[in-house]
């Protein structure tokens, strides 16, 4: 009931009917794995530098239909930021305006469920732009991979620490690491994580 009310409220704030498809009936058999590279970890003041996404249809990653955009930031990229995402000013010489990239991203994801690693941050960053561009936040459902992994991890004891680092989850699931961490590689690896995890039963006991 709450979700329906929230959805109706978001739709009522939509100021561009071009994006009403975001509120269409959910496509249950299609998902989108996505990732953002940003200038920092504060959605209120930081900016997106790149967005990438891949669709998952019928348990298959659609690599031929991937999405990747580099965004021209309004502020200068600081050196501290570069050490995190490795995106230099010269790497975004051919980047596009945030408005164009975000609108294209919305058309790519449609109303599909979103998948990602600590996805709440990436969604918050997207919403920072959509509030201005279309008047509301995106209504898409989302799946958090670290939570999905934690539920399926078989602890040796009730007190065992579960390492939820991205690279650790990849290794535990016997999945390959695709070169350096950039938005597209992370989106693809996140999609692989999801397909591997969805076939592992959820862990029900306290320990095993």
N, C-alpha and C. Protein backbone atom coordinates (compact mmCIF):
# COMPACT_ATOMS: atom_id res chain seq x y z
N UNK A 1 0.83 -1.19 0.00
CA UNK A 1 0.00 0.00 0.00
C UNK A 1 0.88 1.26 0.00
N UNK A 2 1.90 1.25 0.87
CA UNK A 2 2.81 2.40 0.96
C UNK A 2 3.52 2.63 -0.36
N UNK A 3 3.98 1.53 -0.99
CA UNK A 3 4.70 1.64 -2.25
C UNK A 3 3.82 2.24 -3.34
N UNK A 4 2.55 1.86 -3.34
CA UNK A 4 1.62 2.39 -4.33
C UNK A 4 1.41 3.89 -4.13
N UNK A 5 1.27 4.30 -2.86
CA UNK A 5 1.09 5.72 -2.56
C UNK A 5 2.33 6.52 -2.96
N UNK A 6 3.49 5.96 -2.64
CA UNK A 6 4.75 6.61 -3.00
C UNK A 6 4.88 6.75 -4.51
N UNK A 7 4.51 5.68 -5.22
CA UNK A 7 4.59 5.69 -6.67
C UNK A 7 3.67 6.75 -7.28
N UNK A 8 2.46 6.84 -6.73
CA UNK A 8 1.49 7.83 -7.22
C UNK A 8 1.98 9.25 -6.95
N UNK A 9 2.61 9.44 -5.79
CA UNK A 9 3.14 10.76 -5.44
C UNK A 9 4.25 11.16 -6.40
N UNK A 10 5.16 10.21 -6.67
CA UNK A 10 6.26 10.50 -7.59
C UNK A 10 5.72 10.83 -8.98
N UNK A 11 4.75 10.06 -9.42
CA UNK A 11 4.17 10.29 -10.75
C UNK A 11 3.48 11.65 -10.83
N UNK A 12 2.86 12.07 -9.74
CA UNK A 12 2.16 13.35 -9.73
C UNK A 12 3.12 14.53 -9.88
N UNK A 13 4.37 14.31 -9.51
CA UNK A 13 5.38 15.38 -9.58
C UNK A 13 6.10 15.41 -10.93
N UNK A 14 5.83 14.42 -11.77
CA UNK A 14 6.47 14.35 -13.07
C UNK A 14 6.08 15.55 -13.92
N UNK A 15 7.07 16.29 -14.39
CA UNK A 15 6.78 17.50 -15.15
C UNK A 15 7.03 17.34 -16.64
N UNK A 16 7.37 16.12 -17.05
CA UNK A 16 7.59 15.84 -18.47
C UNK A 16 6.97 14.48 -18.80
N UNK A 17 5.86 14.50 -19.54
CA UNK A 17 5.15 13.27 -19.85
C UNK A 17 5.97 12.30 -20.70
N UNK A 18 7.04 12.79 -21.27
CA UNK A 18 7.92 11.93 -22.07
C UNK A 18 8.46 10.77 -21.25
N UNK A 19 8.53 10.98 -19.93
CA UNK A 19 9.11 9.96 -19.05
C UNK A 19 8.06 9.21 -18.22
N UNK A 20 6.83 9.26 -18.66
CA UNK A 20 5.76 8.55 -17.95
C UNK A 20 5.95 7.04 -18.01
N UNK A 21 6.76 6.57 -18.98
CA UNK A 21 7.01 5.12 -19.10
C UNK A 21 7.70 4.56 -17.86
N UNK A 22 8.34 5.42 -17.08
CA UNK A 22 8.98 4.95 -15.85
C UNK A 22 7.97 4.36 -14.88
N UNK A 23 6.71 4.75 -15.03
CA UNK A 23 5.66 4.32 -14.12
C UNK A 23 4.77 3.24 -14.73
N UNK A 24 5.17 2.69 -15.89
CA UNK A 24 4.42 1.60 -16.51
C UNK A 24 4.51 0.35 -15.65
N UNK A 25 3.70 -0.64 -15.98
CA UNK A 25 3.72 -1.90 -15.24
C UNK A 25 5.10 -2.54 -15.34
N UNK A 26 5.58 -3.05 -14.22
CA UNK A 26 6.93 -3.60 -14.13
C UNK A 26 7.16 -4.75 -15.09
N UNK A 27 8.31 -4.73 -15.79
CA UNK A 27 8.72 -5.85 -16.64
C UNK A 27 9.47 -6.85 -15.76
N UNK A 28 8.78 -7.89 -15.35
CA UNK A 28 9.32 -8.82 -14.36
C UNK A 28 10.52 -9.62 -14.86
N UNK A 29 10.63 -9.83 -16.16
CA UNK A 29 11.68 -10.70 -16.67
C UNK A 29 12.90 -9.93 -17.19
N UNK A 30 12.93 -8.61 -16.95
CA UNK A 30 14.06 -7.81 -17.41
C UNK A 30 14.61 -6.95 -16.27
N UNK A 31 15.93 -6.85 -16.21
CA UNK A 31 16.61 -6.10 -15.17
C UNK A 31 17.70 -5.24 -15.81
N UNK A 32 18.17 -4.26 -15.06
CA UNK A 32 19.30 -3.45 -15.51
C UNK A 32 20.32 -3.35 -14.39
N UNK A 33 21.55 -3.76 -14.69
CA UNK A 33 22.66 -3.60 -13.75
C UNK A 33 23.39 -2.32 -14.13
N UNK A 34 23.60 -1.43 -13.15
CA UNK A 34 24.27 -0.17 -13.50
C UNK A 34 25.22 0.30 -12.41
N UNK A 35 26.10 1.22 -12.81
CA UNK A 35 27.09 1.77 -11.89
C UNK A 35 27.44 3.19 -12.32
N UNK A 36 27.78 4.01 -11.35
CA UNK A 36 28.21 5.39 -11.61
C UNK A 36 29.61 5.62 -11.05
N UNK A 37 30.39 6.40 -11.75
CA UNK A 37 31.65 6.91 -11.22
C UNK A 37 31.40 8.39 -10.90
N UNK A 38 31.76 8.81 -9.70
CA UNK A 38 31.42 10.16 -9.24
C UNK A 38 32.65 10.90 -8.70
N UNK A 39 32.48 12.19 -8.49
CA UNK A 39 33.59 12.99 -7.96
C UNK A 39 33.77 12.81 -6.46
N UNK A 40 32.82 12.15 -5.81
CA UNK A 40 32.89 11.94 -4.36
C UNK A 40 31.69 11.14 -3.90
N UNK A 41 31.50 11.08 -2.58
CA UNK A 41 30.46 10.22 -2.01
C UNK A 41 29.32 11.00 -1.37
N UNK A 42 29.18 12.26 -1.75
CA UNK A 42 28.10 13.08 -1.21
C UNK A 42 27.17 13.50 -2.35
N UNK A 43 25.99 12.86 -2.46
CA UNK A 43 25.07 13.18 -3.56
C UNK A 43 24.65 14.65 -3.59
N UNK A 44 24.71 15.34 -2.46
CA UNK A 44 24.28 16.73 -2.42
C UNK A 44 25.24 17.67 -3.13
N UNK A 45 26.53 17.34 -3.11
CA UNK A 45 27.50 18.27 -3.70
C UNK A 45 28.36 17.66 -4.81
N UNK A 46 28.44 16.32 -4.86
CA UNK A 46 29.29 15.69 -5.86
C UNK A 46 28.53 15.44 -7.17
N UNK A 47 29.29 15.12 -8.22
CA UNK A 47 28.72 14.97 -9.55
C UNK A 47 29.03 13.60 -10.14
N UNK A 48 28.21 13.18 -11.09
CA UNK A 48 28.46 11.94 -11.82
C UNK A 48 29.42 12.25 -12.98
N UNK A 49 30.44 11.41 -13.12
CA UNK A 49 31.39 11.55 -14.23
C UNK A 49 31.12 10.54 -15.34
N UNK A 50 30.61 9.37 -14.95
CA UNK A 50 30.26 8.38 -15.96
C UNK A 50 29.16 7.46 -15.42
N UNK A 51 28.32 6.99 -16.34
CA UNK A 51 27.25 6.03 -16.02
C UNK A 51 27.36 4.90 -17.03
N UNK A 52 27.19 3.68 -16.55
CA UNK A 52 27.16 2.54 -17.47
C UNK A 52 26.12 1.54 -16.98
N UNK A 53 25.55 0.81 -17.92
CA UNK A 53 24.50 -0.15 -17.56
C UNK A 53 24.41 -1.24 -18.61
N UNK A 54 23.95 -2.40 -18.18
CA UNK A 54 23.67 -3.52 -19.08
C UNK A 54 22.32 -4.12 -18.71
N UNK A 55 21.61 -4.60 -19.70
CA UNK A 55 20.32 -5.24 -19.47
C UNK A 55 20.51 -6.74 -19.26
N UNK A 56 19.63 -7.30 -18.44
CA UNK A 56 19.60 -8.74 -18.22
C UNK A 56 18.23 -9.23 -18.64
N UNK A 57 18.21 -10.10 -19.64
CA UNK A 57 16.95 -10.66 -20.14
C UNK A 57 17.03 -12.18 -20.12
N UNK A 58 16.06 -12.79 -19.45
CA UNK A 58 15.98 -14.26 -19.41
C UNK A 58 17.32 -14.88 -19.03
N UNK A 59 17.90 -14.37 -17.94
CA UNK A 59 19.15 -14.89 -17.39
C UNK A 59 20.35 -14.71 -18.32
N UNK A 60 20.27 -13.74 -19.20
CA UNK A 60 21.38 -13.47 -20.13
C UNK A 60 21.73 -11.99 -20.08
N UNK A 61 23.03 -11.70 -19.99
CA UNK A 61 23.49 -10.30 -20.00
C UNK A 61 23.60 -9.83 -21.45
N UNK A 62 22.88 -8.77 -21.78
CA UNK A 62 22.84 -8.26 -23.14
C UNK A 62 24.01 -7.30 -23.38
N UNK A 63 25.20 -7.86 -23.58
CA UNK A 63 26.40 -7.03 -23.75
C UNK A 63 26.36 -6.20 -25.02
N UNK A 64 25.64 -6.68 -26.03
CA UNK A 64 25.57 -5.96 -27.29
C UNK A 64 24.69 -4.71 -27.19
N UNK A 65 23.96 -4.61 -26.09
CA UNK A 65 23.06 -3.47 -25.89
C UNK A 65 23.42 -2.74 -24.60
N UNK A 66 24.71 -2.50 -24.41
CA UNK A 66 25.16 -1.84 -23.18
C UNK A 66 25.05 -0.32 -23.32
N UNK A 67 25.14 0.34 -22.17
CA UNK A 67 25.01 1.80 -22.11
C UNK A 67 26.23 2.36 -21.37
N UNK A 68 26.87 3.38 -21.94
CA UNK A 68 28.00 4.04 -21.27
C UNK A 68 28.08 5.49 -21.73
N UNK A 69 28.08 6.39 -20.77
CA UNK A 69 28.19 7.81 -21.08
C UNK A 69 29.15 8.49 -20.09
N UNK A 70 29.96 9.39 -20.61
CA UNK A 70 30.81 10.23 -19.78
C UNK A 70 30.19 11.61 -19.72
N UNK A 71 30.14 12.16 -18.50
CA UNK A 71 29.43 13.41 -18.27
C UNK A 71 30.41 14.54 -17.95
N UNK A 72 30.15 15.69 -18.54
CA UNK A 72 30.97 16.86 -18.31
C UNK A 72 30.57 17.50 -16.97
N UNK A 73 31.45 17.49 -15.97
CA UNK A 73 31.10 18.06 -14.66
C UNK A 73 31.08 19.59 -14.70
N UNK A 74 30.32 20.18 -13.81
CA UNK A 74 30.28 21.64 -13.73
C UNK A 74 31.50 22.20 -13.03
N UNK A 75 32.07 21.40 -12.13
CA UNK A 75 33.23 21.83 -11.36
C UNK A 75 34.48 21.06 -11.77
N UNK A 76 35.61 21.63 -11.48
CA UNK A 76 36.89 21.00 -11.81
C UNK A 76 37.08 19.72 -11.00
N UNK A 77 37.64 18.69 -11.66
CA UNK A 77 37.91 17.43 -10.97
C UNK A 77 39.17 17.59 -10.14
N UNK A 78 39.06 17.35 -8.83
CA UNK A 78 40.22 17.51 -7.96
C UNK A 78 41.09 16.25 -7.98
N UNK A 79 42.33 16.39 -7.56
CA UNK A 79 43.29 15.29 -7.60
C UNK A 79 42.85 14.14 -6.70
N UNK A 80 42.27 14.46 -5.55
CA UNK A 80 41.81 13.42 -4.63
C UNK A 80 40.74 12.56 -5.29
N UNK A 81 39.87 13.19 -6.05
CA UNK A 81 38.82 12.49 -6.75
C UNK A 81 39.39 11.57 -7.83
N UNK A 82 40.42 12.03 -8.52
CA UNK A 82 41.03 11.24 -9.59
C UNK A 82 41.63 9.94 -9.05
N UNK A 83 42.21 9.99 -7.84
CA UNK A 83 42.81 8.79 -7.26
C UNK A 83 41.77 7.71 -6.96
N UNK A 84 40.51 8.10 -6.84
CA UNK A 84 39.44 7.15 -6.55
C UNK A 84 38.88 6.53 -7.82
N UNK A 85 38.48 7.37 -8.77
CA UNK A 85 37.81 6.86 -9.98
C UNK A 85 38.72 6.80 -11.20
N UNK A 86 39.92 7.37 -11.11
CA UNK A 86 40.92 7.32 -12.19
C UNK A 86 40.42 7.97 -13.49
N UNK A 87 39.47 8.88 -13.37
CA UNK A 87 39.01 9.62 -14.54
C UNK A 87 39.66 11.00 -14.51
N UNK A 88 40.52 11.28 -15.48
CA UNK A 88 41.23 12.55 -15.55
C UNK A 88 40.47 13.54 -16.44
N UNK A 89 40.76 14.81 -16.32
CA UNK A 89 40.09 15.80 -17.19
C UNK A 89 40.20 15.45 -18.67
N UNK A 90 41.36 14.92 -19.09
CA UNK A 90 41.55 14.57 -20.49
C UNK A 90 40.68 13.38 -20.92
N UNK A 91 40.25 12.58 -19.95
CA UNK A 91 39.42 11.42 -20.27
C UNK A 91 37.98 11.80 -20.59
N UNK A 92 37.60 13.02 -20.25
CA UNK A 92 36.22 13.44 -20.49
C UNK A 92 36.14 14.61 -21.48
N UNK A 93 37.15 14.68 -22.36
CA UNK A 93 37.17 15.73 -23.38
C UNK A 93 35.94 15.64 -24.29
N UNK A 94 35.51 14.42 -24.56
CA UNK A 94 34.37 14.20 -25.46
C UNK A 94 33.09 13.88 -24.68
N UNK A 95 33.04 14.27 -23.42
CA UNK A 95 31.87 13.99 -22.59
C UNK A 95 30.68 14.86 -23.00
N UNK A 96 29.51 14.52 -22.49
CA UNK A 96 28.30 15.26 -22.84
C UNK A 96 27.69 15.89 -21.59
N UNK A 97 26.72 16.75 -21.79
CA UNK A 97 26.06 17.41 -20.67
C UNK A 97 25.26 16.40 -19.85
N UNK A 98 25.16 16.66 -18.56
CA UNK A 98 24.45 15.76 -17.65
C UNK A 98 23.01 15.55 -18.10
N UNK A 99 22.36 16.60 -18.55
CA UNK A 99 20.95 16.51 -18.98
C UNK A 99 20.77 15.45 -20.06
N UNK A 100 21.64 15.47 -21.06
CA UNK A 100 21.53 14.52 -22.16
C UNK A 100 21.79 13.10 -21.67
N UNK A 101 22.86 12.93 -20.87
CA UNK A 101 23.23 11.60 -20.39
C UNK A 101 22.14 10.99 -19.50
N UNK A 102 21.60 11.77 -18.59
CA UNK A 102 20.58 11.26 -17.67
C UNK A 102 19.30 10.91 -18.42
N UNK A 103 18.90 11.74 -19.36
CA UNK A 103 17.69 11.45 -20.13
C UNK A 103 17.87 10.17 -20.96
N UNK A 104 19.04 10.00 -21.54
CA UNK A 104 19.31 8.78 -22.30
C UNK A 104 19.33 7.57 -21.38
N UNK A 105 19.86 7.75 -20.18
CA UNK A 105 19.90 6.66 -19.20
C UNK A 105 18.48 6.25 -18.82
N UNK A 106 17.60 7.20 -18.60
CA UNK A 106 16.22 6.89 -18.22
C UNK A 106 15.51 6.11 -19.32
N UNK A 107 15.77 6.47 -20.56
CA UNK A 107 15.17 5.73 -21.68
C UNK A 107 15.74 4.31 -21.74
N UNK A 108 17.00 4.16 -21.35
CA UNK A 108 17.64 2.83 -21.38
C UNK A 108 17.06 1.91 -20.30
N UNK A 109 16.90 2.43 -19.09
CA UNK A 109 16.44 1.58 -17.98
C UNK A 109 14.94 1.35 -18.02
N UNK A 110 14.18 2.28 -18.57
CA UNK A 110 12.73 2.13 -18.57
C UNK A 110 12.20 1.95 -17.16
N UNK A 111 11.28 1.00 -17.00
CA UNK A 111 10.71 0.74 -15.68
C UNK A 111 11.31 -0.51 -15.04
N UNK A 112 12.44 -0.98 -15.58
CA UNK A 112 13.03 -2.23 -15.12
C UNK A 112 13.61 -2.12 -13.71
N UNK A 113 13.67 -3.25 -13.01
CA UNK A 113 14.31 -3.31 -11.70
C UNK A 113 15.81 -3.10 -11.86
N UNK A 114 16.38 -2.28 -10.98
CA UNK A 114 17.80 -1.94 -11.05
C UNK A 114 18.62 -2.81 -10.11
N UNK A 115 19.80 -3.19 -10.54
CA UNK A 115 20.69 -4.05 -9.77
C UNK A 115 22.02 -3.34 -9.61
N UNK A 116 22.61 -3.43 -8.40
CA UNK A 116 23.91 -2.80 -8.21
C UNK A 116 24.52 -3.08 -6.86
N UNK A 117 25.77 -2.69 -6.73
CA UNK A 117 26.52 -2.86 -5.48
C UNK A 117 26.47 -1.54 -4.72
N UNK A 118 25.90 -1.56 -3.53
CA UNK A 118 25.57 -0.35 -2.77
C UNK A 118 24.81 0.62 -3.67
N UNK A 119 23.76 0.08 -4.22
CA UNK A 119 22.98 0.76 -5.26
C UNK A 119 22.25 2.00 -4.75
N UNK A 120 21.99 2.06 -3.46
CA UNK A 120 21.27 3.22 -2.92
C UNK A 120 22.04 4.51 -3.20
N UNK A 121 23.37 4.45 -3.17
CA UNK A 121 24.18 5.63 -3.47
C UNK A 121 24.04 6.03 -4.94
N UNK A 122 24.15 5.05 -5.83
CA UNK A 122 24.05 5.34 -7.26
C UNK A 122 22.66 5.91 -7.60
N UNK A 123 21.62 5.36 -6.99
CA UNK A 123 20.27 5.87 -7.23
C UNK A 123 20.14 7.29 -6.70
N UNK A 124 20.73 7.55 -5.54
CA UNK A 124 20.70 8.90 -4.97
C UNK A 124 21.38 9.90 -5.91
N UNK A 125 22.47 9.47 -6.52
CA UNK A 125 23.16 10.35 -7.46
C UNK A 125 22.30 10.61 -8.71
N UNK A 126 21.65 9.58 -9.22
CA UNK A 126 20.76 9.75 -10.37
C UNK A 126 19.61 10.68 -10.01
N UNK A 127 19.04 10.46 -8.81
CA UNK A 127 17.90 11.28 -8.38
C UNK A 127 18.25 12.75 -8.23
N UNK A 128 19.51 13.02 -7.90
CA UNK A 128 19.95 14.41 -7.79
C UNK A 128 19.68 15.16 -9.09
N UNK A 129 19.86 14.48 -10.21
CA UNK A 129 19.66 15.09 -11.51
C UNK A 129 18.19 15.02 -11.95
N UNK A 130 17.52 13.89 -11.68
CA UNK A 130 16.14 13.74 -12.16
C UNK A 130 15.17 14.69 -11.46
N UNK A 131 15.47 15.05 -10.23
CA UNK A 131 14.60 15.99 -9.52
C UNK A 131 14.50 17.31 -10.28
N UNK A 132 15.61 17.70 -10.88
CA UNK A 132 15.63 18.94 -11.66
C UNK A 132 15.09 18.74 -13.07
N UNK A 133 15.49 17.63 -13.70
CA UNK A 133 15.16 17.40 -15.10
C UNK A 133 13.72 17.00 -15.34
N UNK A 134 13.18 16.10 -14.50
CA UNK A 134 11.82 15.61 -14.74
C UNK A 134 10.88 15.88 -13.56
N UNK A 135 11.43 16.45 -12.49
CA UNK A 135 10.58 16.86 -11.37
C UNK A 135 10.41 15.86 -10.26
N UNK A 136 10.97 14.64 -10.43
CA UNK A 136 10.78 13.61 -9.42
C UNK A 136 11.94 12.62 -9.42
N UNK A 137 11.96 11.76 -8.42
CA UNK A 137 12.97 10.70 -8.35
C UNK A 137 12.49 9.50 -9.17
N UNK A 138 13.40 8.61 -9.51
CA UNK A 138 13.02 7.44 -10.30
C UNK A 138 12.27 6.44 -9.40
N UNK A 139 11.21 5.81 -9.92
CA UNK A 139 10.40 4.90 -9.11
C UNK A 139 10.85 3.45 -9.18
N UNK A 140 11.90 3.16 -9.93
CA UNK A 140 12.31 1.77 -10.17
C UNK A 140 12.62 1.01 -8.89
N UNK A 141 12.21 -0.24 -8.85
CA UNK A 141 12.61 -1.12 -7.75
C UNK A 141 14.10 -1.39 -7.89
N UNK A 142 14.73 -1.84 -6.80
CA UNK A 142 16.17 -2.10 -6.87
C UNK A 142 16.54 -3.33 -6.05
N UNK A 143 17.66 -3.93 -6.43
CA UNK A 143 18.20 -5.10 -5.73
C UNK A 143 19.63 -4.79 -5.32
N UNK A 144 19.91 -4.92 -4.03
CA UNK A 144 21.24 -4.65 -3.48
C UNK A 144 22.04 -5.95 -3.45
N UNK A 145 23.15 -6.00 -4.17
CA UNK A 145 23.93 -7.23 -4.28
C UNK A 145 24.61 -7.64 -2.98
N UNK A 146 25.11 -6.68 -2.21
CA UNK A 146 25.77 -7.05 -0.95
C UNK A 146 24.77 -7.69 0.01
N UNK A 147 23.54 -7.21 0.01
CA UNK A 147 22.50 -7.79 0.86
C UNK A 147 22.12 -9.18 0.35
N UNK A 148 22.02 -9.31 -0.95
CA UNK A 148 21.69 -10.59 -1.57
C UNK A 148 22.75 -11.64 -1.23
N UNK A 149 24.02 -11.23 -1.30
CA UNK A 149 25.14 -12.12 -0.98
C UNK A 149 25.12 -12.50 0.50
N UNK A 150 24.88 -11.52 1.37
CA UNK A 150 24.88 -11.75 2.81
C UNK A 150 23.81 -12.78 3.19
N UNK A 151 22.66 -12.71 2.58
CA UNK A 151 21.57 -13.64 2.88
C UNK A 151 21.91 -15.08 2.48
N UNK A 152 22.75 -15.20 1.47
CA UNK A 152 23.06 -16.53 0.94
C UNK A 152 24.38 -17.09 1.47
N UNK A 153 25.11 -16.29 2.24
CA UNK A 153 26.40 -16.72 2.74
C UNK A 153 26.21 -17.69 3.92
N UNK A 154 26.83 -18.85 3.84
CA UNK A 154 26.71 -19.84 4.89
C UNK A 154 27.79 -19.60 5.96
N UNK A 155 27.39 -19.00 7.06
CA UNK A 155 28.33 -18.70 8.13
C UNK A 155 28.78 -19.97 8.85
N UNK A 156 30.04 -19.96 9.27
CA UNK A 156 30.54 -21.08 10.07
C UNK A 156 30.10 -20.96 11.51
N UNK A 157 29.79 -19.74 11.94
CA UNK A 157 29.25 -19.51 13.28
C UNK A 157 28.39 -18.26 13.22
N UNK A 158 27.59 -18.07 14.25
CA UNK A 158 26.70 -16.92 14.30
C UNK A 158 27.47 -15.61 14.40
N UNK A 159 28.74 -15.67 14.80
CA UNK A 159 29.54 -14.47 15.02
C UNK A 159 30.54 -14.20 13.90
N UNK A 160 30.50 -15.01 12.87
CA UNK A 160 31.47 -14.82 11.78
C UNK A 160 31.23 -13.51 11.04
N UNK A 161 32.30 -12.79 10.76
CA UNK A 161 32.23 -11.56 9.98
C UNK A 161 32.12 -11.91 8.51
N UNK A 162 31.19 -11.28 7.82
CA UNK A 162 31.01 -11.53 6.39
C UNK A 162 31.59 -10.35 5.61
N UNK A 163 32.64 -10.60 4.86
CA UNK A 163 33.31 -9.57 4.07
C UNK A 163 32.44 -9.25 2.85
N UNK A 164 31.96 -8.02 2.76
CA UNK A 164 31.06 -7.62 1.69
C UNK A 164 31.73 -6.74 0.64
N UNK A 165 33.05 -6.72 0.62
CA UNK A 165 33.75 -5.94 -0.40
C UNK A 165 33.46 -6.53 -1.79
N UNK A 166 33.40 -5.65 -2.77
CA UNK A 166 33.04 -6.06 -4.13
C UNK A 166 33.96 -7.17 -4.65
N UNK A 167 35.27 -6.96 -4.54
CA UNK A 167 36.22 -7.95 -5.06
C UNK A 167 36.15 -9.26 -4.29
N UNK A 168 35.83 -9.20 -3.01
CA UNK A 168 35.70 -10.41 -2.20
C UNK A 168 34.51 -11.24 -2.67
N UNK A 169 33.40 -10.58 -2.92
CA UNK A 169 32.21 -11.29 -3.40
C UNK A 169 32.49 -11.94 -4.75
N UNK A 170 33.16 -11.22 -5.64
CA UNK A 170 33.54 -11.79 -6.94
C UNK A 170 34.34 -13.08 -6.76
N UNK A 171 35.34 -13.00 -5.89
CA UNK A 171 36.22 -14.15 -5.66
C UNK A 171 35.45 -15.31 -5.06
N UNK A 172 34.62 -15.05 -4.06
CA UNK A 172 33.85 -16.10 -3.41
C UNK A 172 32.89 -16.79 -4.38
N UNK A 173 32.42 -16.05 -5.35
CA UNK A 173 31.48 -16.61 -6.33
C UNK A 173 32.19 -17.18 -7.56
N UNK A 174 33.53 -17.16 -7.52
CA UNK A 174 34.35 -17.68 -8.63
C UNK A 174 34.03 -16.98 -9.95
N UNK A 175 33.92 -15.65 -9.87
CA UNK A 175 33.65 -14.85 -11.05
C UNK A 175 34.90 -14.06 -11.43
N UNK A 176 35.11 -13.83 -12.72
CA UNK A 176 36.32 -13.12 -13.16
C UNK A 176 36.24 -11.62 -12.89
N UNK A 177 37.39 -11.03 -12.62
CA UNK A 177 37.48 -9.58 -12.48
C UNK A 177 37.82 -8.99 -13.84
N UNK A 178 37.01 -8.08 -14.31
CA UNK A 178 37.17 -7.52 -15.64
C UNK A 178 38.00 -6.24 -15.62
N UNK A 179 39.30 -6.39 -15.68
CA UNK A 179 40.18 -5.23 -15.77
C UNK A 179 40.01 -4.26 -14.62
N UNK A 180 40.20 -2.97 -14.90
CA UNK A 180 40.10 -1.96 -13.86
C UNK A 180 38.64 -1.68 -13.52
N UNK A 181 38.44 -1.13 -12.33
CA UNK A 181 37.08 -0.76 -11.92
C UNK A 181 36.66 0.52 -12.64
N UNK A 182 35.81 0.38 -13.62
CA UNK A 182 35.16 1.54 -14.21
C UNK A 182 33.67 1.23 -14.25
N UNK A 183 32.87 2.20 -14.66
CA UNK A 183 31.42 2.04 -14.56
C UNK A 183 30.92 0.84 -15.37
N UNK A 184 31.41 0.67 -16.60
CA UNK A 184 30.92 -0.42 -17.44
C UNK A 184 31.35 -1.78 -16.92
N UNK A 185 32.63 -1.92 -16.58
CA UNK A 185 33.10 -3.20 -16.03
C UNK A 185 32.35 -3.56 -14.76
N UNK A 186 32.14 -2.57 -13.89
CA UNK A 186 31.42 -2.84 -12.64
C UNK A 186 29.97 -3.22 -12.89
N UNK A 187 29.35 -2.60 -13.88
CA UNK A 187 27.96 -2.95 -14.21
C UNK A 187 27.88 -4.39 -14.72
N UNK A 188 28.85 -4.78 -15.55
CA UNK A 188 28.86 -6.15 -16.09
C UNK A 188 29.14 -7.16 -14.97
N UNK A 189 30.13 -6.86 -14.11
CA UNK A 189 30.45 -7.78 -13.01
C UNK A 189 29.28 -7.88 -12.04
N UNK A 190 28.59 -6.78 -11.82
CA UNK A 190 27.41 -6.80 -10.94
C UNK A 190 26.32 -7.67 -11.53
N UNK A 191 26.16 -7.63 -12.84
CA UNK A 191 25.17 -8.47 -13.51
C UNK A 191 25.54 -9.95 -13.35
N UNK A 192 26.84 -10.25 -13.46
CA UNK A 192 27.29 -11.63 -13.26
C UNK A 192 27.02 -12.09 -11.83
N UNK A 193 27.28 -11.21 -10.87
CA UNK A 193 27.01 -11.53 -9.46
C UNK A 193 25.54 -11.88 -9.27
N UNK A 194 24.68 -11.05 -9.83
CA UNK A 194 23.23 -11.27 -9.67
C UNK A 194 22.81 -12.63 -10.23
N UNK A 195 23.26 -12.96 -11.43
CA UNK A 195 22.86 -14.22 -12.04
C UNK A 195 23.37 -15.42 -11.24
N UNK A 196 24.58 -15.26 -10.66
CA UNK A 196 25.14 -16.35 -9.85
C UNK A 196 24.37 -16.47 -8.52
N UNK A 197 24.10 -15.35 -7.89
CA UNK A 197 23.44 -15.36 -6.58
C UNK A 197 21.99 -15.81 -6.64
N UNK A 198 21.29 -15.47 -7.72
CA UNK A 198 19.86 -15.79 -7.79
C UNK A 198 19.60 -17.29 -7.83
N UNK A 199 20.63 -18.06 -8.17
CA UNK A 199 20.48 -19.51 -8.22
C UNK A 199 20.98 -20.21 -6.97
N UNK A 200 21.40 -19.40 -5.97
CA UNK A 200 21.83 -19.96 -4.68
C UNK A 200 20.70 -19.77 -3.67
N UNK A 201 20.23 -20.82 -3.02
CA UNK A 201 19.14 -20.67 -2.04
C UNK A 201 19.53 -19.73 -0.92
N UNK A 202 18.55 -18.99 -0.42
CA UNK A 202 18.82 -18.10 0.70
C UNK A 202 19.16 -18.91 1.94
N UNK A 203 20.09 -18.38 2.73
CA UNK A 203 20.52 -19.06 3.94
C UNK A 203 19.51 -18.81 5.05
N UNK A 204 18.99 -19.88 5.62
CA UNK A 204 17.92 -19.75 6.60
C UNK A 204 18.40 -19.90 8.05
N UNK A 205 19.46 -20.65 8.27
CA UNK A 205 19.88 -20.93 9.64
C UNK A 205 20.82 -19.89 10.21
N UNK A 206 21.13 -20.00 11.48
CA UNK A 206 22.05 -19.08 12.15
C UNK A 206 23.49 -19.39 11.76
N UNK A 207 23.79 -20.65 11.57
CA UNK A 207 25.13 -21.04 11.15
C UNK A 207 25.08 -22.45 10.58
N UNK A 208 26.16 -22.87 9.96
CA UNK A 208 26.21 -24.22 9.40
C UNK A 208 27.55 -24.86 9.69
